[in-house]
């Protein structure tokens, strides 16, 4: 069941799977600049990704007892054209799979998702990373031009 809390042994197995996958990405994937484990009481990592339209961004992975949560900061709150900006992101959300745009701290825009523990495998982790890369590349510049239009004038 997706809502079941998994036992510590299974959680440790999933943690090791993610840790190994992230290390492989750091070593073999040219878009991954670095991977770090964060020991702050949670099971967390961040992977720094080298993009094209957005030069660099970090994907945070947090393993919980029921799910793997992942997110990246996309940009600050818009300075102008608020309605058009949020309409653009909401329309983009309809075409995204496994991730969605959301508002976080200080009204900043994030791209976030979650996966049940039972669904975590290297194929899904590859899909998550690929989705982040594709969605940031597709959505960042158009959103930036709407929400910060006067800077492009």
N, C-alpha and C. Protein backbone atom coordinates (compact mmCIF):
# COMPACT_ATOMS: atom_id res chain seq x y z
N UNK A 1 0.82 -1.19 0.00
CA UNK A 1 0.00 0.00 0.00
C UNK A 1 0.87 1.25 0.00
N UNK A 2 0.47 2.26 -0.76
CA UNK A 2 1.24 3.50 -0.87
C UNK A 2 1.29 4.27 0.44
N UNK A 3 0.26 4.15 1.28
CA UNK A 3 0.21 4.92 2.52
C UNK A 3 0.88 4.23 3.69
N UNK A 4 1.31 2.99 3.51
CA UNK A 4 1.96 2.27 4.61
C UNK A 4 3.34 2.84 4.90
N UNK A 5 3.66 2.91 6.18
CA UNK A 5 5.01 3.27 6.58
C UNK A 5 5.86 2.02 6.40
N UNK A 6 6.96 2.14 5.69
CA UNK A 6 7.78 0.96 5.44
C UNK A 6 8.72 0.71 6.62
N UNK A 7 9.16 -0.52 6.72
CA UNK A 7 10.04 -0.87 7.83
C UNK A 7 11.43 -0.29 7.60
N UNK A 8 12.20 -0.12 8.68
CA UNK A 8 13.53 0.50 8.57
C UNK A 8 14.48 -0.22 7.61
N UNK A 9 14.39 -1.53 7.52
CA UNK A 9 15.26 -2.28 6.60
C UNK A 9 14.96 -1.90 5.15
N UNK A 10 13.69 -1.85 4.79
CA UNK A 10 13.30 -1.49 3.42
C UNK A 10 13.66 -0.02 3.13
N UNK A 11 13.47 0.84 4.11
CA UNK A 11 13.85 2.25 3.94
C UNK A 11 15.35 2.37 3.67
N UNK A 12 16.16 1.59 4.39
CA UNK A 12 17.61 1.60 4.18
C UNK A 12 17.97 1.09 2.78
N UNK A 13 17.25 0.09 2.28
CA UNK A 13 17.49 -0.41 0.92
C UNK A 13 17.20 0.66 -0.12
N UNK A 14 16.08 1.36 0.06
CA UNK A 14 15.72 2.42 -0.88
C UNK A 14 16.73 3.57 -0.79
N UNK A 15 17.15 3.90 0.41
CA UNK A 15 18.17 4.93 0.60
C UNK A 15 19.45 4.58 -0.15
N UNK A 16 19.88 3.33 -0.04
CA UNK A 16 21.09 2.87 -0.73
C UNK A 16 20.91 2.91 -2.25
N UNK A 17 19.73 2.52 -2.74
CA UNK A 17 19.44 2.58 -4.17
C UNK A 17 19.57 4.01 -4.69
N UNK A 18 18.98 4.96 -3.97
CA UNK A 18 19.05 6.37 -4.38
C UNK A 18 20.49 6.87 -4.30
N UNK A 19 21.16 6.54 -3.22
CA UNK A 19 22.56 6.96 -3.04
C UNK A 19 23.44 6.45 -4.18
N UNK A 20 23.30 5.17 -4.53
CA UNK A 20 24.08 4.58 -5.62
C UNK A 20 23.73 5.22 -6.96
N UNK A 21 22.44 5.45 -7.20
CA UNK A 21 22.01 6.06 -8.45
C UNK A 21 22.57 7.48 -8.57
N UNK A 22 22.49 8.25 -7.50
CA UNK A 22 23.02 9.61 -7.53
C UNK A 22 24.53 9.61 -7.78
N UNK A 23 25.24 8.69 -7.16
CA UNK A 23 26.69 8.60 -7.38
C UNK A 23 26.98 8.26 -8.84
N UNK A 24 26.22 7.36 -9.42
CA UNK A 24 26.40 7.02 -10.84
C UNK A 24 26.13 8.24 -11.72
N UNK A 25 25.09 9.01 -11.40
CA UNK A 25 24.78 10.23 -12.17
C UNK A 25 25.92 11.23 -12.06
N UNK A 26 26.44 11.41 -10.84
CA UNK A 26 27.54 12.35 -10.63
C UNK A 26 28.76 11.95 -11.46
N UNK A 27 29.01 10.67 -11.52
CA UNK A 27 30.19 10.17 -12.21
C UNK A 27 30.02 10.15 -13.73
N UNK A 28 28.81 9.78 -14.22
CA UNK A 28 28.64 9.49 -15.65
C UNK A 28 27.77 10.46 -16.43
N UNK A 29 26.98 11.26 -15.76
CA UNK A 29 26.03 12.13 -16.46
C UNK A 29 26.62 13.54 -16.57
N UNK A 30 26.88 14.02 -17.78
CA UNK A 30 27.53 15.32 -17.93
C UNK A 30 26.71 16.52 -17.45
N UNK A 31 25.40 16.38 -17.27
CA UNK A 31 24.62 17.52 -16.78
C UNK A 31 24.64 17.64 -15.26
N UNK A 32 25.16 16.62 -14.58
CA UNK A 32 25.23 16.67 -13.12
C UNK A 32 26.59 17.22 -12.70
N UNK A 33 26.57 18.40 -12.08
CA UNK A 33 27.82 19.04 -11.65
C UNK A 33 28.31 18.47 -10.33
N UNK A 34 27.38 18.23 -9.41
CA UNK A 34 27.75 17.69 -8.10
C UNK A 34 26.53 17.07 -7.44
N UNK A 35 26.80 16.19 -6.50
CA UNK A 35 25.76 15.59 -5.66
C UNK A 35 26.25 15.64 -4.23
N UNK A 36 25.38 16.05 -3.32
CA UNK A 36 25.76 16.09 -1.91
C UNK A 36 24.66 15.50 -1.05
N UNK A 37 25.07 14.82 -0.03
CA UNK A 37 24.16 14.30 0.99
C UNK A 37 24.07 15.34 2.09
N UNK A 38 22.88 15.65 2.53
CA UNK A 38 22.66 16.63 3.58
C UNK A 38 22.19 15.89 4.83
N UNK A 39 22.92 16.01 5.91
CA UNK A 39 22.54 15.37 7.16
C UNK A 39 21.96 16.41 8.10
N UNK A 40 20.65 16.58 8.01
CA UNK A 40 19.96 17.55 8.84
C UNK A 40 18.78 16.93 9.58
N UNK A 41 18.86 15.63 9.81
CA UNK A 41 17.78 14.92 10.48
C UNK A 41 16.86 14.20 9.51
N UNK A 42 16.86 14.63 8.25
CA UNK A 42 16.10 13.96 7.20
C UNK A 42 17.08 13.22 6.31
N UNK A 43 16.56 12.35 5.46
CA UNK A 43 17.38 11.67 4.46
C UNK A 43 17.25 12.50 3.20
N UNK A 44 18.29 13.36 2.93
CA UNK A 44 18.20 14.33 1.82
C UNK A 44 19.49 14.41 1.03
N UNK A 45 19.32 14.69 -0.25
CA UNK A 45 20.43 14.94 -1.15
C UNK A 45 20.06 16.11 -2.04
N UNK A 46 21.07 16.75 -2.61
CA UNK A 46 20.78 17.65 -3.72
C UNK A 46 21.76 17.34 -4.83
N UNK A 47 21.24 17.47 -6.03
CA UNK A 47 22.04 17.30 -7.24
C UNK A 47 22.04 18.63 -7.96
N UNK A 48 23.22 19.16 -8.23
CA UNK A 48 23.35 20.41 -8.98
C UNK A 48 23.38 20.05 -10.45
N UNK A 49 22.45 20.64 -11.21
CA UNK A 49 22.27 20.33 -12.62
C UNK A 49 22.72 21.52 -13.47
N UNK A 50 23.47 21.21 -14.52
CA UNK A 50 23.89 22.24 -15.49
C UNK A 50 22.87 22.24 -16.63
N UNK A 51 22.17 23.37 -16.77
CA UNK A 51 21.18 23.49 -17.82
C UNK A 51 21.67 24.34 -18.96
N UNK A 52 20.77 24.63 -19.87
CA UNK A 52 21.09 25.50 -21.00
C UNK A 52 20.38 26.85 -20.84
N UNK A 53 19.04 26.85 -20.75
CA UNK A 53 18.34 28.13 -20.59
C UNK A 53 18.46 28.65 -19.16
N UNK A 54 18.49 27.77 -18.20
CA UNK A 54 18.79 28.15 -16.81
C UNK A 54 20.13 27.48 -16.53
N UNK A 55 21.16 28.27 -16.31
CA UNK A 55 22.53 27.75 -16.23
C UNK A 55 22.70 26.61 -15.24
N UNK A 56 22.25 26.83 -14.00
CA UNK A 56 22.44 25.84 -12.95
C UNK A 56 21.23 25.86 -12.03
N UNK A 57 20.83 24.68 -11.56
CA UNK A 57 19.78 24.59 -10.55
C UNK A 57 20.02 23.31 -9.75
N UNK A 58 19.43 23.26 -8.58
CA UNK A 58 19.60 22.11 -7.70
C UNK A 58 18.28 21.37 -7.53
N UNK A 59 18.34 20.07 -7.66
CA UNK A 59 17.19 19.22 -7.38
C UNK A 59 17.38 18.62 -6.00
N UNK A 60 16.43 18.85 -5.13
CA UNK A 60 16.46 18.28 -3.78
C UNK A 60 15.63 17.01 -3.74
N UNK A 61 16.21 15.95 -3.22
CA UNK A 61 15.53 14.67 -3.03
C UNK A 61 15.41 14.43 -1.53
N UNK A 62 14.21 14.18 -1.04
CA UNK A 62 14.00 13.91 0.38
C UNK A 62 13.25 12.59 0.50
N UNK A 63 13.89 11.62 1.14
CA UNK A 63 13.28 10.31 1.35
C UNK A 63 12.56 10.31 2.68
N UNK A 64 11.28 10.02 2.63
CA UNK A 64 10.45 9.94 3.83
C UNK A 64 9.99 8.49 4.00
N UNK A 65 9.21 8.22 5.02
CA UNK A 65 8.79 6.85 5.27
C UNK A 65 7.74 6.35 4.30
N UNK A 66 7.11 7.23 3.57
CA UNK A 66 6.09 6.82 2.62
C UNK A 66 6.42 7.19 1.17
N UNK A 67 7.32 8.16 0.99
CA UNK A 67 7.55 8.65 -0.37
C UNK A 67 8.92 9.29 -0.53
N UNK A 68 9.28 9.47 -1.79
CA UNK A 68 10.43 10.28 -2.16
C UNK A 68 9.87 11.57 -2.71
N UNK A 69 10.24 12.68 -2.10
CA UNK A 69 9.81 13.99 -2.58
C UNK A 69 10.98 14.66 -3.26
N UNK A 70 10.70 15.42 -4.31
CA UNK A 70 11.76 16.07 -5.06
C UNK A 70 11.26 17.42 -5.55
N UNK A 71 12.18 18.38 -5.58
CA UNK A 71 11.81 19.73 -6.00
C UNK A 71 13.03 20.52 -6.42
N UNK A 72 12.77 21.56 -7.19
CA UNK A 72 13.80 22.53 -7.54
C UNK A 72 13.19 23.92 -7.53
N UNK A 73 13.99 24.87 -7.15
CA UNK A 73 13.63 26.28 -7.22
C UNK A 73 13.75 26.70 -8.67
N UNK A 74 12.70 27.31 -9.21
CA UNK A 74 12.74 27.73 -10.62
C UNK A 74 13.06 29.21 -10.73
N UNK A 75 12.33 30.04 -9.98
CA UNK A 75 12.57 31.49 -10.06
C UNK A 75 11.81 32.20 -8.95
N UNK A 76 12.17 33.47 -8.71
CA UNK A 76 11.43 34.23 -7.69
C UNK A 76 10.03 34.57 -8.18
N UNK A 77 9.22 35.11 -7.29
CA UNK A 77 7.89 35.58 -7.67
C UNK A 77 8.02 36.61 -8.79
N UNK A 78 7.05 36.68 -9.67
CA UNK A 78 7.14 37.63 -10.78
C UNK A 78 7.08 39.07 -10.29
N UNK A 79 7.73 39.94 -11.03
CA UNK A 79 7.69 41.37 -10.71
C UNK A 79 6.51 42.06 -11.37
N UNK A 80 5.99 41.48 -12.44
CA UNK A 80 4.90 42.09 -13.22
C UNK A 80 4.13 41.00 -13.95
N UNK A 81 3.05 41.39 -14.57
CA UNK A 81 2.21 40.46 -15.36
C UNK A 81 1.84 39.20 -14.56
N UNK A 82 1.47 39.39 -13.31
CA UNK A 82 1.19 38.27 -12.41
C UNK A 82 0.17 37.29 -12.98
N UNK A 83 -0.96 37.79 -13.45
CA UNK A 83 -2.01 36.90 -13.96
C UNK A 83 -1.51 36.09 -15.15
N UNK A 84 -0.86 36.74 -16.10
CA UNK A 84 -0.34 36.04 -17.28
C UNK A 84 0.74 35.04 -16.89
N UNK A 85 1.56 35.40 -15.92
CA UNK A 85 2.64 34.52 -15.45
C UNK A 85 2.07 33.23 -14.86
N UNK A 86 1.14 33.38 -13.91
CA UNK A 86 0.58 32.19 -13.26
C UNK A 86 -0.31 31.39 -14.22
N UNK A 87 -0.99 32.08 -15.13
CA UNK A 87 -1.77 31.36 -16.14
C UNK A 87 -0.84 30.50 -16.99
N UNK A 88 0.29 31.07 -17.38
CA UNK A 88 1.27 30.32 -18.18
C UNK A 88 1.71 29.04 -17.45
N UNK A 89 2.06 29.18 -16.16
CA UNK A 89 2.52 28.01 -15.41
C UNK A 89 1.41 26.98 -15.20
N UNK A 90 0.20 27.45 -14.93
CA UNK A 90 -0.92 26.51 -14.75
C UNK A 90 -1.23 25.77 -16.04
N UNK A 91 -1.15 26.46 -17.16
CA UNK A 91 -1.37 25.77 -18.44
C UNK A 91 -0.24 24.77 -18.72
N UNK A 92 0.96 25.11 -18.35
CA UNK A 92 2.09 24.17 -18.50
C UNK A 92 1.89 22.94 -17.63
N UNK A 93 1.34 23.13 -16.42
CA UNK A 93 1.13 22.00 -15.51
C UNK A 93 0.31 20.88 -16.15
N UNK A 94 -0.62 21.23 -17.02
CA UNK A 94 -1.47 20.21 -17.65
C UNK A 94 -0.67 19.24 -18.49
N UNK A 95 0.49 19.67 -18.98
CA UNK A 95 1.29 18.83 -19.87
C UNK A 95 2.46 18.14 -19.17
N UNK A 96 2.65 18.43 -17.89
CA UNK A 96 3.76 17.85 -17.14
C UNK A 96 3.33 16.52 -16.53
N UNK A 97 4.27 15.59 -16.44
CA UNK A 97 4.00 14.27 -15.85
C UNK A 97 4.92 14.06 -14.66
N UNK A 98 4.34 13.87 -13.48
CA UNK A 98 5.12 13.57 -12.29
C UNK A 98 5.70 14.78 -11.57
N UNK A 99 5.53 15.96 -12.13
CA UNK A 99 6.00 17.20 -11.54
C UNK A 99 4.95 18.27 -11.78
N UNK A 100 4.94 19.28 -10.93
CA UNK A 100 4.05 20.42 -11.17
C UNK A 100 4.66 21.68 -10.60
N UNK A 101 4.30 22.79 -11.20
CA UNK A 101 4.73 24.08 -10.68
C UNK A 101 3.91 24.40 -9.44
N UNK A 102 4.57 25.00 -8.45
CA UNK A 102 3.90 25.39 -7.23
C UNK A 102 4.58 26.62 -6.65
N UNK A 103 3.91 27.23 -5.70
CA UNK A 103 4.45 28.42 -5.03
C UNK A 103 5.01 27.99 -3.69
N UNK A 104 6.23 28.42 -3.39
CA UNK A 104 6.90 28.06 -2.14
C UNK A 104 7.20 29.29 -1.31
N UNK A 105 8.24 29.17 -0.51
CA UNK A 105 8.66 30.27 0.36
C UNK A 105 8.84 31.55 -0.43
N UNK A 106 8.45 32.66 0.18
CA UNK A 106 8.59 33.99 -0.41
C UNK A 106 7.92 34.08 -1.78
N UNK A 107 6.90 33.26 -2.00
CA UNK A 107 6.14 33.22 -3.25
C UNK A 107 6.98 32.83 -4.46
N UNK A 108 8.13 32.22 -4.22
CA UNK A 108 8.98 31.74 -5.31
C UNK A 108 8.31 30.57 -6.02
N UNK A 109 8.70 30.33 -7.26
CA UNK A 109 8.16 29.25 -8.07
C UNK A 109 9.07 28.04 -7.97
N UNK A 110 8.47 26.89 -7.68
CA UNK A 110 9.18 25.63 -7.59
C UNK A 110 8.55 24.64 -8.56
N UNK A 111 9.30 23.63 -8.91
CA UNK A 111 8.82 22.48 -9.66
C UNK A 111 9.00 21.30 -8.72
N UNK A 112 7.91 20.58 -8.41
CA UNK A 112 7.97 19.56 -7.37
C UNK A 112 7.13 18.34 -7.72
N UNK A 113 7.46 17.24 -7.06
CA UNK A 113 6.71 16.01 -7.22
C UNK A 113 7.04 15.04 -6.11
N UNK A 114 6.38 13.88 -6.14
CA UNK A 114 6.62 12.84 -5.15
C UNK A 114 6.31 11.49 -5.77
N UNK A 115 6.95 10.48 -5.22
CA UNK A 115 6.79 9.11 -5.70
C UNK A 115 6.66 8.20 -4.50
N UNK A 116 5.67 7.28 -4.50
CA UNK A 116 5.57 6.34 -3.38
C UNK A 116 6.82 5.47 -3.29
N UNK A 117 7.19 5.09 -2.08
CA UNK A 117 8.38 4.26 -1.85
C UNK A 117 8.39 3.03 -2.75
N UNK A 118 7.26 2.37 -2.87
CA UNK A 118 7.19 1.13 -3.65
C UNK A 118 7.47 1.31 -5.13
N UNK A 119 7.39 2.53 -5.64
CA UNK A 119 7.60 2.79 -7.06
C UNK A 119 9.03 3.21 -7.39
N UNK A 120 9.87 3.35 -6.37
CA UNK A 120 11.22 3.87 -6.60
C UNK A 120 12.12 2.77 -7.16
N UNK A 121 12.66 3.04 -8.34
CA UNK A 121 13.70 2.21 -8.93
C UNK A 121 14.54 3.11 -9.83
N UNK A 122 15.60 2.58 -10.39
CA UNK A 122 16.50 3.43 -11.18
C UNK A 122 15.80 4.00 -12.41
N UNK A 123 14.89 3.26 -13.00
CA UNK A 123 14.15 3.78 -14.15
C UNK A 123 13.33 5.00 -13.79
N UNK A 124 12.65 4.95 -12.65
CA UNK A 124 11.86 6.09 -12.19
C UNK A 124 12.76 7.26 -11.83
N UNK A 125 13.89 6.99 -11.21
CA UNK A 125 14.82 8.07 -10.88
C UNK A 125 15.35 8.73 -12.14
N UNK A 126 15.65 7.94 -13.16
CA UNK A 126 16.07 8.49 -14.46
C UNK A 126 14.97 9.37 -15.05
N UNK A 127 13.71 8.90 -14.97
CA UNK A 127 12.58 9.66 -15.50
C UNK A 127 12.43 10.99 -14.77
N UNK A 128 12.58 10.96 -13.44
CA UNK A 128 12.46 12.19 -12.64
C UNK A 128 13.53 13.19 -13.07
N UNK A 129 14.78 12.76 -13.15
CA UNK A 129 15.86 13.65 -13.55
C UNK A 129 15.63 14.20 -14.96
N UNK A 130 15.26 13.33 -15.88
CA UNK A 130 14.99 13.76 -17.25
C UNK A 130 13.83 14.74 -17.34
N UNK A 131 12.80 14.50 -16.53
CA UNK A 131 11.64 15.40 -16.52
C UNK A 131 12.03 16.77 -15.99
N UNK A 132 12.79 16.81 -14.90
CA UNK A 132 13.26 18.10 -14.39
C UNK A 132 14.01 18.85 -15.48
N UNK A 133 14.94 18.16 -16.11
CA UNK A 133 15.75 18.82 -17.13
C UNK A 133 14.87 19.36 -18.26
N UNK A 134 14.00 18.53 -18.79
CA UNK A 134 13.15 18.94 -19.91
C UNK A 134 12.21 20.08 -19.52
N UNK A 135 11.58 19.98 -18.36
CA UNK A 135 10.59 20.98 -17.97
C UNK A 135 11.23 22.32 -17.63
N UNK A 136 12.36 22.31 -16.98
CA UNK A 136 13.04 23.57 -16.70
C UNK A 136 13.47 24.21 -18.02
N UNK A 137 14.03 23.42 -18.92
CA UNK A 137 14.47 23.94 -20.21
C UNK A 137 13.29 24.52 -21.01
N UNK A 138 12.16 23.85 -21.00
CA UNK A 138 11.00 24.29 -21.77
C UNK A 138 10.29 25.50 -21.16
N UNK A 139 10.26 25.59 -19.85
CA UNK A 139 9.39 26.55 -19.18
C UNK A 139 10.09 27.77 -18.61
N UNK A 140 11.35 27.69 -18.31
CA UNK A 140 12.03 28.77 -17.60
C UNK A 140 12.02 30.09 -18.37
N UNK A 141 12.53 30.09 -19.58
CA UNK A 141 12.66 31.35 -20.32
C UNK A 141 11.31 31.99 -20.66
N UNK A 142 10.32 31.22 -21.13
CA UNK A 142 9.02 31.86 -21.37
C UNK A 142 8.42 32.47 -20.10
N UNK A 143 8.52 31.78 -18.97
CA UNK A 143 7.99 32.33 -17.71
C UNK A 143 8.77 33.57 -17.30
N UNK A 144 10.07 33.54 -17.47
CA UNK A 144 10.91 34.68 -17.12
C UNK A 144 10.52 35.91 -17.96
N UNK A 145 10.28 35.70 -19.24
CA UNK A 145 9.92 36.81 -20.12
C UNK A 145 8.55 37.41 -19.79
N UNK A 146 7.67 36.60 -19.23
CA UNK A 146 6.35 37.12 -18.83
C UNK A 146 6.46 37.85 -17.50
N UNK A 147 7.04 37.21 -16.51
CA UNK A 147 7.07 37.75 -15.15
C UNK A 147 8.08 38.86 -14.92
N UNK A 148 9.03 39.01 -15.84
CA UNK A 148 10.08 40.01 -15.72
C UNK A 148 10.26 40.74 -17.06
N UNK A 149 9.15 41.00 -17.72
CA UNK A 149 9.14 41.54 -19.09
C UNK A 149 9.93 42.83 -19.25
N UNK A 150 9.83 43.73 -18.30
CA UNK A 150 10.51 45.02 -18.47
C UNK A 150 12.03 44.86 -18.47
N UNK A 151 12.54 43.79 -17.92
CA UNK A 151 13.99 43.56 -17.96
C UNK A 151 14.47 43.12 -19.35
N UNK A 152 13.52 42.68 -20.18
CA UNK A 152 13.85 42.23 -21.53
C UNK A 152 13.56 43.29 -22.58
N UNK A 153 12.98 44.42 -22.15
CA UNK A 153 12.58 45.48 -23.09
C UNK A 153 13.79 46.22 -23.65
